[in-house]
Amino acid sequence: MIRRLQAVALDCPDPVRLAEFYAELLGGQIVMDPDVPDWVEVRGFEGTPLAFQRVQGYRPPEWPGEQMPQQVHLDFDVDDIEADEKRALELGATVLERTDQVRREANWRVYADPAGHPFCLCLH
């Protein structure tokens, strides 16, 4: 029987840089194994740990689009979307879509992390 989800792993060109981004964003700690230099994890925050693995020739997903589909994206609950957006942008995220500017009832915004993976901040 499967007991629990161990981690969500994202491909990227620089696993240390991406781990630093998510560790700061989520308040987690970076965990590295010197024997496995192309794999870095972020743990110690509420939720499933994140892992980042180096991929040669990495190409980021497109938002929106299907030429390079996102394949996976992360959703994070937040209490203050304005403050958390500011922090995410300061850490290196970019805005992909601000749905609240299009639809009043929308409670999420879409960003890209420094490697181009889409993620959402969702007002809790």
PDB file of N, CA and C in Angstrom:
ATOM      1  N   MET A   1       0.840  -1.171   0.000  1.00  0.00           N
ATOM      2  CA  MET A   1       0.000   0.000   0.000  1.00  0.00           C
ATOM      3  C   MET A   1       0.890   1.242   0.000  1.00  0.00           C
ATOM      4  N   ILE A   2       0.530   2.225  -0.781  1.00  0.00           N
ATOM      5  CA  ILE A   2       1.251   3.497  -0.799  1.00  0.00           C
ATOM      6  C   ILE A   2       0.862   4.279   0.442  1.00  0.00           C
ATOM      7  N   ARG A   3       1.864   4.755   1.179  1.00  0.00           N
ATOM      8  CA  ARG A   3       1.600   5.430   2.449  1.00  0.00           C
ATOM      9  C   ARG A   3       1.416   6.934   2.310  1.00  0.00           C
ATOM     10  N   ARG A   4       2.286   7.583   1.511  1.00  0.00           N
ATOM     11  CA  ARG A   4       2.181   9.032   1.379  1.00  0.00           C
ATOM     12  C   ARG A   4       3.009   9.491   0.188  1.00  0.00           C
ATOM     13  N   LEU A   5       2.746  10.694  -0.254  1.00  0.00           N
ATOM     14  CA  LEU A   5       3.527  11.296  -1.315  1.00  0.00           C
ATOM     15  C   LEU A   5       4.842  11.785  -0.719  1.00  0.00           C
ATOM     16  N   GLN A   6       5.964  11.282  -1.203  1.00  0.00           N
ATOM     17  CA  GLN A   6       7.272  11.610  -0.640  1.00  0.00           C
ATOM     18  C   GLN A   6       7.736  12.996  -1.063  1.00  0.00           C
ATOM     19  N   ALA A   7       7.556  13.365  -2.332  1.00  0.00           N
ATOM     20  CA  ALA A   7       7.989  14.669  -2.832  1.00  0.00           C
ATOM     21  C   ALA A   7       7.379  14.897  -4.207  1.00  0.00           C
ATOM     22  N   VAL A   8       7.366  16.141  -4.620  1.00  0.00           N
ATOM     23  CA  VAL A   8       7.034  16.510  -5.988  1.00  0.00           C
ATOM     24  C   VAL A   8       8.336  17.014  -6.596  1.00  0.00           C
ATOM     25  N   ALA A   9       8.772  16.413  -7.696  1.00  0.00           N
ATOM     26  CA  ALA A   9      10.048  16.765  -8.320  1.00  0.00           C
ATOM     27  C   ALA A   9       9.813  17.556  -9.595  1.00  0.00           C
ATOM     28  N   LEU A  10      10.584  18.631  -9.741  1.00  0.00           N
ATOM     29  CA  LEU A  10      10.500  19.476 -10.919  1.00  0.00           C
ATOM     30  C   LEU A  10      11.839  19.453 -11.658  1.00  0.00           C
ATOM     31  N   ASP A  11      11.776  19.296 -12.978  1.00  0.00           N
ATOM     32  CA  ASP A  11      12.976  19.418 -13.801  1.00  0.00           C
ATOM     33  C   ASP A  11      13.370  20.889 -13.884  1.00  0.00           C
ATOM     34  N   CYS A  12      14.668  21.148 -14.018  1.00  0.00           N
ATOM     35  CA  CYS A  12      15.144  22.530 -14.116  1.00  0.00           C
ATOM     36  C   CYS A  12      16.596  22.539 -14.553  1.00  0.00           C
ATOM     37  N   PRO A  13      17.114  23.711 -14.955  1.00  0.00           N
ATOM     38  CA  PRO A  13      18.515  23.776 -15.341  1.00  0.00           C
ATOM     39  C   PRO A  13      19.458  23.943 -14.142  1.00  0.00           C
ATOM     40  N   ASP A  14      18.963  24.510 -13.028  1.00  0.00           N
ATOM     41  CA  ASP A  14      19.807  24.800 -11.866  1.00  0.00           C
ATOM     42  C   ASP A  14      19.038  24.459 -10.591  1.00  0.00           C
ATOM     43  N   PRO A  15      19.177  23.226 -10.085  1.00  0.00           N
ATOM     44  CA  PRO A  15      18.380  22.815  -8.924  1.00  0.00           C
ATOM     45  C   PRO A  15      18.673  23.613  -7.652  1.00  0.00           C
ATOM     46  N   VAL A  16      19.894  24.067  -7.471  1.00  0.00           N
ATOM     47  CA  VAL A  16      20.198  24.852  -6.267  1.00  0.00           C
ATOM     48  C   VAL A  16      19.465  26.194  -6.312  1.00  0.00           C
ATOM     49  N   ARG A  17      19.526  26.874  -7.444  1.00  0.00           N
ATOM     50  CA  ARG A  17      18.848  28.169  -7.587  1.00  0.00           C
ATOM     51  C   ARG A  17      17.350  28.028  -7.371  1.00  0.00           C
ATOM     52  N   LEU A  18      16.747  27.003  -7.947  1.00  0.00           N
ATOM     53  CA  LEU A  18      15.303  26.828  -7.801  1.00  0.00           C
ATOM     54  C   LEU A  18      14.950  26.433  -6.370  1.00  0.00           C
ATOM     55  N   ALA A  19      15.767  25.617  -5.738  1.00  0.00           N
ATOM     56  CA  ALA A  19      15.538  25.266  -4.330  1.00  0.00           C
ATOM     57  C   ALA A  19      15.636  26.501  -3.444  1.00  0.00           C
ATOM     58  N   GLU A  20      16.581  27.383  -3.727  1.00  0.00           N
ATOM     59  CA  GLU A  20      16.700  28.625  -2.947  1.00  0.00           C
ATOM     60  C   GLU A  20      15.434  29.467  -3.069  1.00  0.00           C
ATOM     61  N   PHE A  21      14.897  29.567  -4.286  1.00  0.00           N
ATOM     62  CA  PHE A  21      13.659  30.320  -4.509  1.00  0.00           C
ATOM     63  C   PHE A  21      12.521  29.761  -3.658  1.00  0.00           C
ATOM     64  N   TYR A  22      12.282  28.440  -3.746  1.00  0.00           N
ATOM     65  CA  TYR A  22      11.170  27.847  -3.013  1.00  0.00           C
ATOM     66  C   TYR A  22      11.412  27.793  -1.504  1.00  0.00           C
ATOM     67  N   ALA A  23      12.643  27.626  -1.073  1.00  0.00           N
ATOM     68  CA  ALA A  23      12.932  27.647   0.368  1.00  0.00           C
ATOM     69  C   ALA A  23      12.583  29.009   0.947  1.00  0.00           C
ATOM     70  N   GLU A  24      12.943  30.074   0.246  1.00  0.00           N
ATOM     71  CA  GLU A  24      12.607  31.428   0.706  1.00  0.00           C
ATOM     72  C   GLU A  24      11.102  31.669   0.633  1.00  0.00           C
ATOM     73  N   LEU A  25      10.480  31.264  -0.459  1.00  0.00           N
ATOM     74  CA  LEU A  25       9.047  31.489  -0.653  1.00  0.00           C
ATOM     75  C   LEU A  25       8.222  30.778   0.413  1.00  0.00           C
ATOM     76  N   LEU A  26       8.612  29.537   0.745  1.00  0.00           N
ATOM     77  CA  LEU A  26       7.806  28.698   1.630  1.00  0.00           C
ATOM     78  C   LEU A  26       8.324  28.625   3.066  1.00  0.00           C
ATOM     79  N   GLY A  27       9.485  29.191   3.324  1.00  0.00           N
ATOM     80  CA  GLY A  27      10.049  29.089   4.668  1.00  0.00           C
ATOM     81  C   GLY A  27      10.599  27.709   4.964  1.00  0.00           C
ATOM     82  N   GLY A  28      11.104  27.044   3.956  1.00  0.00           N
ATOM     83  CA  GLY A  28      11.653  25.699   4.133  1.00  0.00           C
ATOM     84  C   GLY A  28      13.164  25.713   4.188  1.00  0.00           C
ATOM     85  N   GLN A  29      13.729  24.515   4.314  1.00  0.00           N
ATOM     86  CA  GLN A  29      15.177  24.353   4.350  1.00  0.00           C
ATOM     87  C   GLN A  29      15.622  23.518   3.155  1.00  0.00           C
ATOM     88  N   ILE A  30      16.787  23.861   2.637  1.00  0.00           N
ATOM     89  CA  ILE A  30      17.369  23.128   1.521  1.00  0.00           C
ATOM     90  C   ILE A  30      18.094  21.905   2.057  1.00  0.00           C
ATOM     91  N   VAL A  31      17.847  20.762   1.424  1.00  0.00           N
ATOM     92  CA  VAL A  31      18.492  19.510   1.790  1.00  0.00           C
ATOM     93  C   VAL A  31      19.214  18.994   0.546  1.00  0.00           C
ATOM     94  N   MET A  32      20.542  18.795   0.699  1.00  0.00           N
ATOM     95  CA  MET A  32      21.346  18.323  -0.426  1.00  0.00           C
ATOM     96  C   MET A  32      22.153  17.111  -0.001  1.00  0.00           C
ATOM     97  N   ASP A  33      22.371  16.216  -0.936  1.00  0.00           N
ATOM     98  CA  ASP A  33      23.242  15.069  -0.736  1.00  0.00           C
ATOM     99  C   ASP A  33      24.447  15.287  -1.642  1.00  0.00           C
ATOM    100  N   PRO A  34      25.656  15.457  -1.081  1.00  0.00           N
ATOM    101  CA  PRO A  34      26.821  15.732  -1.916  1.00  0.00           C
ATOM    102  C   PRO A  34      27.113  14.637  -2.938  1.00  0.00           C
ATOM    103  N   ASP A  35      26.589  13.446  -2.711  1.00  0.00           N
ATOM    104  CA  ASP A  35      26.791  12.357  -3.666  1.00  0.00           C
ATOM    105  C   ASP A  35      25.814  12.410  -4.837  1.00  0.00           C
ATOM    106  N   VAL A  36      24.798  13.277  -4.725  1.00  0.00           N
ATOM    107  CA  VAL A  36      23.789  13.411  -5.782  1.00  0.00           C
ATOM    108  C   VAL A  36      23.660  14.903  -6.111  1.00  0.00           C
ATOM    109  N   PRO A  37      24.614  15.465  -6.851  1.00  0.00           N
ATOM    110  CA  PRO A  37      24.657  16.912  -7.058  1.00  0.00           C
ATOM    111  C   PRO A  37      23.537  17.471  -7.937  1.00  0.00           C
ATOM    112  N   ASP A  38      22.872  16.641  -8.697  1.00  0.00           N
ATOM    113  CA  ASP A  38      21.825  17.122  -9.590  1.00  0.00           C
ATOM    114  C   ASP A  38      20.419  16.999  -8.996  1.00  0.00           C
ATOM    115  N   TRP A  39      20.332  16.798  -7.683  1.00  0.00           N
ATOM    116  CA  TRP A  39      19.052  16.639  -6.976  1.00  0.00           C
ATOM    117  C   TRP A  39      19.107  17.452  -5.687  1.00  0.00           C
ATOM    118  N   VAL A  40      18.171  18.369  -5.509  1.00  0.00           N
ATOM    119  CA  VAL A  40      18.103  19.208  -4.309  1.00  0.00           C
ATOM    120  C   VAL A  40      16.657  19.218  -3.835  1.00  0.00           C
ATOM    121  N   GLU A  41      16.459  19.160  -2.523  1.00  0.00           N
ATOM    122  CA  GLU A  41      15.109  19.159  -1.959  1.00  0.00           C
ATOM    123  C   GLU A  41      14.888  20.366  -1.058  1.00  0.00           C
ATOM    124  N   VAL A  42      13.620  20.730  -0.921  1.00  0.00           N
ATOM    125  CA  VAL A  42      13.195  21.734   0.058  1.00  0.00           C
ATOM    126  C   VAL A  42      12.183  21.057   0.962  1.00  0.00           C
ATOM    127  N   ARG A  43      12.478  21.078   2.256  1.00  0.00           N
ATOM    128  CA  ARG A  43      11.637  20.447   3.278  1.00  0.00           C
ATOM    129  C   ARG A  43      11.413  21.430   4.420  1.00  0.00           C
ATOM    130  N   GLY A  44      10.605  21.016   5.389  1.00  0.00           N
ATOM    131  CA  GLY A  44      10.453  21.811   6.603  1.00  0.00           C
ATOM    132  C   GLY A  44       9.389  22.889   6.522  1.00  0.00           C
ATOM    133  N   PHE A  45       8.499  22.791   5.568  1.00  0.00           N
ATOM    134  CA  PHE A  45       7.351  23.692   5.492  1.00  0.00           C
ATOM    135  C   PHE A  45       6.101  22.824   5.494  1.00  0.00           C
ATOM    136  N   GLU A  46       4.960  23.424   5.699  1.00  0.00           N
ATOM    137  CA  GLU A  46       3.727  22.651   5.731  1.00  0.00           C
ATOM    138  C   GLU A  46       3.398  22.171   4.321  1.00  0.00           C
ATOM    139  N   GLY A  47       3.346  20.875   4.128  1.00  0.00           N
ATOM    140  CA  GLY A  47       3.026  20.317   2.828  1.00  0.00           C
ATOM    141  C   GLY A  47       4.068  19.324   2.358  1.00  0.00           C
ATOM    142  N   THR A  48       3.851  18.797   1.179  1.00  0.00           N
ATOM    143  CA  THR A  48       4.745  17.808   0.585  1.00  0.00           C
ATOM    144  C   THR A  48       6.068  18.457   0.182  1.00  0.00           C
ATOM    145  N   PRO A  49       7.195  17.840   0.502  1.00  0.00           N
ATOM    146  CA  PRO A  49       8.488  18.393   0.098  1.00  0.00           C
ATOM    147  C   PRO A  49       8.582  18.541  -1.424  1.00  0.00           C
ATOM    148  N   LEU A  50       9.406  19.496  -1.838  1.00  0.00           N
ATOM    149  CA  LEU A  50       9.667  19.718  -3.255  1.00  0.00           C
ATOM    150  C   LEU A  50      11.088  19.297  -3.559  1.00  0.00           C
ATOM    151  N   ALA A  51      11.281  18.717  -4.732  1.00  0.00           N
ATOM    152  CA  ALA A  51      12.606  18.315  -5.181  1.00  0.00           C
ATOM    153  C   ALA A  51      12.853  18.914  -6.561  1.00  0.00           C
ATOM    154  N   PHE A  52      14.119  19.163  -6.851  1.00  0.00           N
ATOM    155  CA  PHE A  52      14.502  19.784  -8.114  1.00  0.00           C
ATOM    156  C   PHE A  52      15.648  18.996  -8.707  1.00  0.00           C
ATOM    157  N   GLN A  53      15.482  18.605  -9.972  1.00  0.00           N
ATOM    158  CA  GLN A  53      16.512  17.802 -10.615  1.00  0.00           C
ATOM    159  C   GLN A  53      16.989  18.483 -11.893  1.00  0.00           C
ATOM    160  N   ARG A  54      18.322  18.481 -12.057  1.00  0.00           N
ATOM    161  CA  ARG A  54      18.937  19.102 -13.237  1.00  0.00           C
ATOM    162  C   ARG A  54      18.623  18.271 -14.473  1.00  0.00           C
ATOM    163  N   VAL A  55      18.220  18.957 -15.533  1.00  0.00           N
ATOM    164  CA  VAL A  55      17.952  18.332 -16.821  1.00  0.00           C
ATOM    165  C   VAL A  55      18.725  19.119 -17.873  1.00  0.00           C
ATOM    166  N   GLN A  56      19.565  18.429 -18.612  1.00  0.00           N
ATOM    167  CA  GLN A  56      20.302  19.068 -19.701  1.00  0.00           C
ATOM    168  C   GLN A  56      19.315  19.441 -20.807  1.00  0.00           C
ATOM    169  N   GLY A  57      19.466  20.609 -21.370  1.00  0.00           N
ATOM    170  CA  GLY A  57      18.575  21.050 -22.447  1.00  0.00           C
ATOM    171  C   GLY A  57      17.177  21.395 -21.967  1.00  0.00           C
ATOM    172  N   TYR A  58      17.027  21.695 -20.687  1.00  0.00           N
ATOM    173  CA  TYR A  58      15.708  22.026 -20.126  1.00  0.00           C
ATOM    174  C   TYR A  58      15.059  23.160 -20.916  1.00  0.00           C
ATOM    175  N   ARG A  59      13.777  22.992 -21.206  1.00  0.00           N
ATOM    176  CA  ARG A  59      12.972  24.040 -21.841  1.00  0.00           C
ATOM    177  C   ARG A  59      11.765  24.283 -20.956  1.00  0.00           C
ATOM    178  N   PRO A  60      11.562  25.521 -20.503  1.00  0.00           N
ATOM    179  CA  PRO A  60      10.450  25.801 -19.598  1.00  0.00           C
ATOM    180  C   PRO A  60       9.099  25.666 -20.287  1.00  0.00           C
ATOM    181  N   PRO A  61       8.064  25.366 -19.500  1.00  0.00           N
ATOM    182  CA  PRO A  61       6.717  25.316 -20.054  1.00  0.00           C
ATOM    183  C   PRO A  61       6.262  26.707 -20.483  1.00  0.00           C
ATOM    184  N   GLU A  62       5.222  26.744 -21.297  1.00  0.00           N
ATOM    185  CA  GLU A  62       4.633  28.016 -21.733  1.00  0.00           C
ATOM    186  C   GLU A  62       3.302  28.196 -21.038  1.00  0.00           C
ATOM    187  N   TRP A  63       2.995  29.430 -20.718  1.00  0.00           N
ATOM    188  CA  TRP A  63       1.690  29.738 -20.113  1.00  0.00           C
ATOM    189  C   TRP A  63       1.063  30.872 -20.867  1.00  0.00           C
ATOM    190  N   PRO A  64      -0.162  30.813 -21.297  1.00  0.00           N
ATOM    191  CA  PRO A  64      -0.803  29.537 -21.608  1.00  0.00           C
ATOM    192  C   PRO A  64      -0.210  29.018 -22.906  1.00  0.00           C
ATOM    193  N   GLY A  65      -0.455  27.836 -23.231  1.00  0.00           N
ATOM    194  CA  GLY A  65       0.058  27.289 -24.472  1.00  0.00           C
ATOM    195  C   GLY A  65       0.191  25.792 -24.388  1.00  0.00           C
ATOM    196  N   GLU A  66       0.390  25.202 -25.531  1.00  0.00           N
ATOM    197  CA  GLU A  66       0.503  23.756 -25.570  1.00  0.00           C
ATOM    198  C   GLU A  66       1.730  23.286 -26.330  1.00  0.00           C
ATOM    199  N   GLN A  67       2.539  24.222 -26.868  1.00  0.00           N
ATOM    200  CA  GLN A  67       3.769  23.803 -27.530  1.00  0.00           C
ATOM    201  C   GLN A  67       4.711  23.170 -26.509  1.00  0.00           C
ATOM    202  N   MET A  68       4.834  23.786 -25.341  1.00  0.00           N
ATOM    203  CA  MET A  68       5.598  23.256 -24.203  1.00  0.00           C
ATOM    204  C   MET A  68       4.636  23.262 -23.018  1.00  0.00           C
ATOM    205  N   PRO A  69       3.772  22.250 -22.890  1.00  0.00           N
ATOM    206  CA  PRO A  69       2.750  22.266 -21.843  1.00  0.00           C
ATOM    207  C   PRO A  69       3.349  22.274 -20.443  1.00  0.00           C
ATOM    208  N   GLN A  70       2.575  22.836 -19.503  1.00  0.00           N
ATOM    209  CA  GLN A  70       3.059  22.955 -18.127  1.00  0.00           C
ATOM    210  C   GLN A  70       3.224  21.607 -17.447  1.00  0.00           C
ATOM    211  N   GLN A  71       2.471  20.613 -17.795  1.00  0.00           N
ATOM    212  CA  GLN A  71       2.523  19.254 -17.255  1.00  0.00           C
ATOM    213  C   GLN A  71       2.180  19.189 -15.774  1.00  0.00           C
ATOM    214  N   VAL A  72       2.638  20.125 -14.987  1.00  0.00           N
ATOM    215  CA  VAL A  72       2.318  20.168 -13.564  1.00  0.00           C
ATOM    216  C   VAL A  72       2.461  21.619 -13.115  1.00  0.00           C
ATOM    217  N   HIS A  73       1.650  22.017 -12.162  1.00  0.00           N
ATOM    218  CA  HIS A  73       1.881  23.313 -11.534  1.00  0.00           C
ATOM    219  C   HIS A  73       1.520  23.195 -10.066  1.00  0.00           C
ATOM    220  N   LEU A  74       2.056  24.096  -9.274  1.00  0.00           N
ATOM    221  CA  LEU A  74       1.871  24.070  -7.827  1.00  0.00           C
ATOM    222  C   LEU A  74       0.902  25.160  -7.419  1.00  0.00           C
ATOM    223  N   ASP A  75      -0.004  24.840  -6.493  1.00  0.00           N
ATOM    224  CA  ASP A  75      -0.927  25.823  -5.922  1.00  0.00           C
ATOM    225  C   ASP A  75      -0.595  25.996  -4.445  1.00  0.00           C
ATOM    226  N   PHE A  76      -0.460  27.244  -4.004  1.00  0.00           N
ATOM    227  CA  PHE A  76      -0.143  27.542  -2.611  1.00  0.00           C
ATOM    228  C   PHE A  76      -1.245  28.403  -2.011  1.00  0.00           C
ATOM    229  N   ASP A  77      -1.778  27.992  -0.849  1.00  0.00           N
ATOM    230  CA  ASP A  77      -2.734  28.809  -0.110  1.00  0.00           C
ATOM    231  C   ASP A  77      -2.002  29.976   0.533  1.00  0.00           C
ATOM    232  N   VAL A  78      -2.594  31.157   0.452  1.00  0.00           N
ATOM    233  CA  VAL A  78      -2.037  32.347   1.094  1.00  0.00           C
ATOM    234  C   VAL A  78      -3.153  33.097   1.810  1.00  0.00           C
ATOM    235  N   ASP A  79      -2.787  33.858   2.826  1.00  0.00           N
ATOM    236  CA  ASP A  79      -3.758  34.690   3.538  1.00  0.00           C
ATOM    237  C   ASP A  79      -3.777  36.113   3.009  1.00  0.00           C
ATOM    238  N   ASP A  80      -2.651  36.586   2.476  1.00  0.00           N
ATOM    239  CA  ASP A  80      -2.528  37.955   1.979  1.00  0.00           C
ATOM    240  C   ASP A  80      -1.888  37.900   0.598  1.00  0.00           C
ATOM    241  N   ILE A  81      -2.719  37.850  -0.425  1.00  0.00           N
ATOM    242  CA  ILE A  81      -2.214  37.646  -1.781  1.00  0.00           C
ATOM    243  C   ILE A  81      -1.333  38.795  -2.243  1.00  0.00           C
ATOM    244  N   GLU A  82      -1.632  40.022  -1.810  1.00  0.00           N
ATOM    245  CA  GLU A  82      -0.819  41.173  -2.213  1.00  0.00           C
ATOM    246  C   GLU A  82       0.594  41.069  -1.639  1.00  0.00           C
ATOM    247  N   ALA A  83       0.691  40.796  -0.343  1.00  0.00           N
ATOM    248  CA  ALA A  83       2.003  40.696   0.310  1.00  0.00           C
ATOM    249  C   ALA A  83       2.787  39.507  -0.223  1.00  0.00           C
ATOM    250  N   ASP A  84       2.110  38.368  -0.423  1.00  0.00           N
ATOM    251  CA  ASP A  84       2.811  37.182  -0.902  1.00  0.00           C
ATOM    252  C   ASP A  84       3.214  37.320  -2.363  1.00  0.00           C
ATOM    253  N   GLU A  85       2.418  38.038  -3.149  1.00  0.00           N
ATOM    254  CA  GLU A  85       2.822  38.306  -4.532  1.00  0.00           C
ATOM    255  C   GLU A  85       4.087  39.176  -4.532  1.00  0.00           C
ATOM    256  N   LYS A  86       4.101  40.204  -3.729  1.00  0.00           N
ATOM    257  CA  LYS A  86       5.269  41.088  -3.671  1.00  0.00           C
ATOM    258  C   LYS A  86       6.527  40.288  -3.309  1.00  0.00           C
ATOM    259  N   ARG A  87       6.397  39.436  -2.313  1.00  0.00           N
ATOM    260  CA  ARG A  87       7.533  38.614  -1.880  1.00  0.00           C
ATOM    261  C   ARG A  87       7.989  37.666  -2.985  1.00  0.00           C
ATOM    262  N   ALA A  88       7.037  36.997  -3.652  1.00  0.00           N
ATOM    263  CA  ALA A  88       7.376  36.071  -4.732  1.00  0.00           C
ATOM    264  C   ALA A  88       8.102  36.794  -5.869  1.00  0.00           C
ATOM    265  N   LEU A  89       7.640  37.990  -6.213  1.00  0.00           N
ATOM    266  CA  LEU A  89       8.277  38.752  -7.283  1.00  0.00           C
ATOM    267  C   LEU A  89       9.681  39.192  -6.883  1.00  0.00           C
ATOM    268  N   GLU A  90       9.857  39.588  -5.638  1.00  0.00           N
ATOM    269  CA  GLU A  90      11.185  39.975  -5.146  1.00  0.00           C
ATOM    270  C   GLU A  90      12.164  38.794  -5.187  1.00  0.00           C
ATOM    271  N   LEU A  91      11.637  37.579  -5.025  1.00  0.00           N
ATOM    272  CA  LEU A  91      12.482  36.388  -5.036  1.00  0.00           C
ATOM    273  C   LEU A  91      12.804  35.895  -6.439  1.00  0.00           C
ATOM    274  N   GLY A  92      12.134  36.462  -7.457  1.00  0.00           N
ATOM    275  CA  GLY A  92      12.450  36.080  -8.830  1.00  0.00           C
ATOM    276  C   GLY A  92      11.302  35.515  -9.637  1.00  0.00           C
ATOM    277  N   ALA A  93      10.100  35.474  -9.078  1.00  0.00           N
ATOM    278  CA  ALA A  93       8.940  35.009  -9.840  1.00  0.00           C
ATOM    279  C   ALA A  93       8.524  36.085 -10.849  1.00  0.00           C
ATOM    280  N   THR A  94       7.770  35.663 -11.848  1.00  0.00           N
ATOM    281  CA  THR A  94       7.179  36.611 -12.796  1.00  0.00           C
ATOM    282  C   THR A  94       5.677  36.337 -12.877  1.00  0.00           C
ATOM    283  N   VAL A  95       4.911  37.381 -13.125  1.00  0.00           N
ATOM    284  CA  VAL A  95       3.458  37.248 -13.253  1.00  0.00           C
ATOM    285  C   VAL A  95       3.137  36.668 -14.625  1.00  0.00           C
ATOM    286  N   LEU A  96       2.315  35.620 -14.629  1.00  0.00           N
ATOM    287  CA  LEU A  96       1.834  35.056 -15.887  1.00  0.00           C
ATOM    288  C   LEU A  96       0.396  35.474 -16.154  1.00  0.00           C
ATOM    289  N   GLU A  97      -0.421  35.490 -15.090  1.00  0.00           N
ATOM    290  CA  GLU A  97      -1.831  35.839 -15.260  1.00  0.00           C
ATOM    291  C   GLU A  97      -2.397  36.316 -13.937  1.00  0.00           C
ATOM    292  N   ARG A  98      -3.037  37.462 -13.973  1.00  0.00           N
ATOM    293  CA  ARG A  98      -3.695  37.967 -12.765  1.00  0.00           C
ATOM    294  C   ARG A  98      -5.198  37.875 -13.022  1.00  0.00           C
ATOM    295  N   THR A  99      -5.758  36.714 -12.737  1.00  0.00           N
ATOM    296  CA  THR A  99      -7.157  36.449 -13.050  1.00  0.00           C
ATOM    297  C   THR A  99      -8.101  37.396 -12.328  1.00  0.00           C
ATOM    298  N   ASP A 100      -7.683  37.940 -11.173  1.00  0.00           N
ATOM    299  CA  ASP A 100      -8.554  38.847 -10.440  1.00  0.00           C
ATOM    300  C   ASP A 100      -8.767  40.152 -11.198  1.00  0.00           C
ATOM    301  N   GLN A 101      -7.899  40.479 -12.147  1.00  0.00           N
ATOM    302  CA  GLN A 101      -8.087  41.677 -12.946  1.00  0.00           C
ATOM    303  C   GLN A 101      -9.070  41.435 -14.084  1.00  0.00           C
ATOM    304  N   VAL A 102      -9.305  40.165 -14.396  1.00  0.00           N
ATOM    305  CA  VAL A 102     -10.234  39.804 -15.465  1.00  0.00           C
ATOM    306  C   VAL A 102     -11.601  39.450 -14.885  1.00  0.00           C
ATOM    307  N   ARG A 103     -11.590  38.677 -13.809  1.00  0.00           N
ATOM    308  CA  ARG A 103     -12.836  38.230 -13.176  1.00  0.00           C
ATOM    309  C   ARG A 103     -12.797  38.601 -11.702  1.00  0.00           C
ATOM    310  N   ARG A 104     -13.761  39.342 -11.249  1.00  0.00           N
ATOM    311  CA  ARG A 104     -13.807  39.806  -9.866  1.00  0.00           C
ATOM    312  C   ARG A 104     -13.803  38.668  -8.846  1.00  0.00           C
ATOM    313  N   GLU A 105     -14.452  37.550  -9.171  1.00  0.00           N
ATOM    314  CA  GLU A 105     -14.578  36.463  -8.201  1.00  0.00           C
ATOM    315  C   GLU A 105     -13.340  35.572  -8.127  1.00  0.00           C
ATOM    316  N   ALA A 106     -12.391  35.752  -9.020  1.00  0.00           N
ATOM    317  CA  ALA A 106     -11.190  34.915  -9.016  1.00  0.00           C
ATOM    318  C   ALA A 106     -10.379  35.168  -7.752  1.00  0.00           C
ATOM    319  N   ASN A 107      -9.850  34.089  -7.176  1.00  0.00           N
ATOM    320  CA  ASN A 107      -9.081  34.223  -5.937  1.00  0.00           C
ATOM    321  C   ASN A 107      -7.676  33.654  -6.089  1.00  0.00           C
ATOM    322  N   TRP A 108      -7.139  33.661  -7.301  1.00  0.00           N
ATOM    323  CA  TRP A 108      -5.798  33.151  -7.516  1.00  0.00           C
ATOM    324  C   TRP A 108      -5.089  33.991  -8.571  1.00  0.00           C
ATOM    325  N   ARG A 109      -3.764  33.883  -8.551  1.00  0.00           N
ATOM    326  CA  ARG A 109      -2.915  34.527  -9.546  1.00  0.00           C
ATOM    327  C   ARG A 109      -1.855  33.515  -9.970  1.00  0.00           C
ATOM    328  N   VAL A 110      -1.454  33.590 -11.225  1.00  0.00           N
ATOM    329  CA  VAL A 110      -0.523  32.621 -11.789  1.00  0.00           C
ATOM    330  C   VAL A 110       0.844  33.286 -12.013  1.00  0.00           C
ATOM    331  N   TYR A 111       1.890  32.592 -11.601  1.00  0.00           N
ATOM    332  CA  TYR A 111       3.254  33.092 -11.709  1.00  0.00           C
ATOM    333  C   TYR A 111       4.139  32.018 -12.343  1.00  0.00           C
ATOM    334  N   ALA A 112       5.340  32.413 -12.707  1.00  0.00           N
ATOM    335  CA  ALA A 112       6.368  31.453 -13.106  1.00  0.00           C
ATOM    336  C   ALA A 112       7.513  31.572 -12.119  1.00  0.00           C
ATOM    337  N   ASP A 113       8.058  30.433 -11.705  1.00  0.00           N
ATOM    338  CA  ASP A 113       9.245  30.454 -10.853  1.00  0.00           C
ATOM    339  C   ASP A 113      10.451  30.796 -11.737  1.00  0.00           C
ATOM    340  N   PRO A 114      11.642  30.943 -11.170  1.00  0.00           N
ATOM    341  CA  PRO A 114      12.799  31.324 -11.984  1.00  0.00           C
ATOM    342  C   PRO A 114      13.143  30.359 -13.119  1.00  0.00           C
ATOM    343  N   ALA A 115      12.681  29.114 -13.057  1.00  0.00           N
ATOM    344  CA  ALA A 115      12.926  28.166 -14.146  1.00  0.00           C
ATOM    345  C   ALA A 115      11.752  28.093 -15.110  1.00  0.00           C
ATOM    346  N   GLY A 116      10.704  28.885 -14.862  1.00  0.00           N
ATOM    347  CA  GLY A 116       9.565  28.945 -15.783  1.00  0.00           C
ATOM    348  C   GLY A 116       8.388  28.056 -15.437  1.00  0.00           C
ATOM    349  N   HIS A 117       8.430  27.319 -14.313  1.00  0.00           N
ATOM    350  CA  HIS A 117       7.298  26.477 -13.934  1.00  0.00           C
ATOM    351  C   HIS A 117       6.148  27.353 -13.429  1.00  0.00           C
ATOM    352  N   PRO A 118       4.939  27.134 -13.914  1.00  0.00           N
ATOM    353  CA  PRO A 118       3.808  27.878 -13.388  1.00  0.00           C
ATOM    354  C   PRO A 118       3.469  27.459 -11.963  1.00  0.00           C
ATOM    355  N   PHE A 119       3.080  28.433 -11.146  1.00  0.00           N
ATOM    356  CA  PHE A 119       2.528  28.160  -9.827  1.00  0.00           C
ATOM    357  C   PHE A 119       1.506  29.234  -9.515  1.00  0.00           C
ATOM    358  N   CYS A 120       0.585  28.896  -8.616  1.00  0.00           N
ATOM    359  CA  CYS A 120      -0.480  29.833  -8.267  1.00  0.00           C
ATOM    360  C   CYS A 120      -0.416  30.178  -6.786  1.00  0.00           C
ATOM    361  N   LEU A 121      -0.715  31.437  -6.488  1.00  0.00           N
ATOM    362  CA  LEU A 121      -1.003  31.842  -5.135  1.00  0.00           C
ATOM    363  C   LEU A 121      -2.518  31.937  -5.056  1.00  0.00           C
ATOM    364  N   CYS A 122      -3.111  31.208  -4.109  1.00  0.00           N
ATOM    365  CA  CYS A 122      -4.564  31.107  -3.999  1.00  0.00           C
ATOM    366  C   CYS A 122      -4.996  31.685  -2.662  1.00  0.00           C
ATOM    367  N   LEU A 123      -5.853  32.674  -2.706  1.00  0.00           N
ATOM    368  CA  LEU A 123      -6.330  33.313  -1.490  1.00  0.00           C
ATOM    369  C   LEU A 123      -7.154  32.309  -0.699  1.00  0.00           C
ATOM    370  N   HIS A 124      -6.730  32.055   0.511  1.00  0.00           N
ATOM    371  CA  HIS A 124      -7.344  31.035   1.362  1.00  0.00           C
ATOM    372  C   HIS A 124      -8.596  31.582   2.025  1.00  0.00           C
TER     373      HIS A 124
END
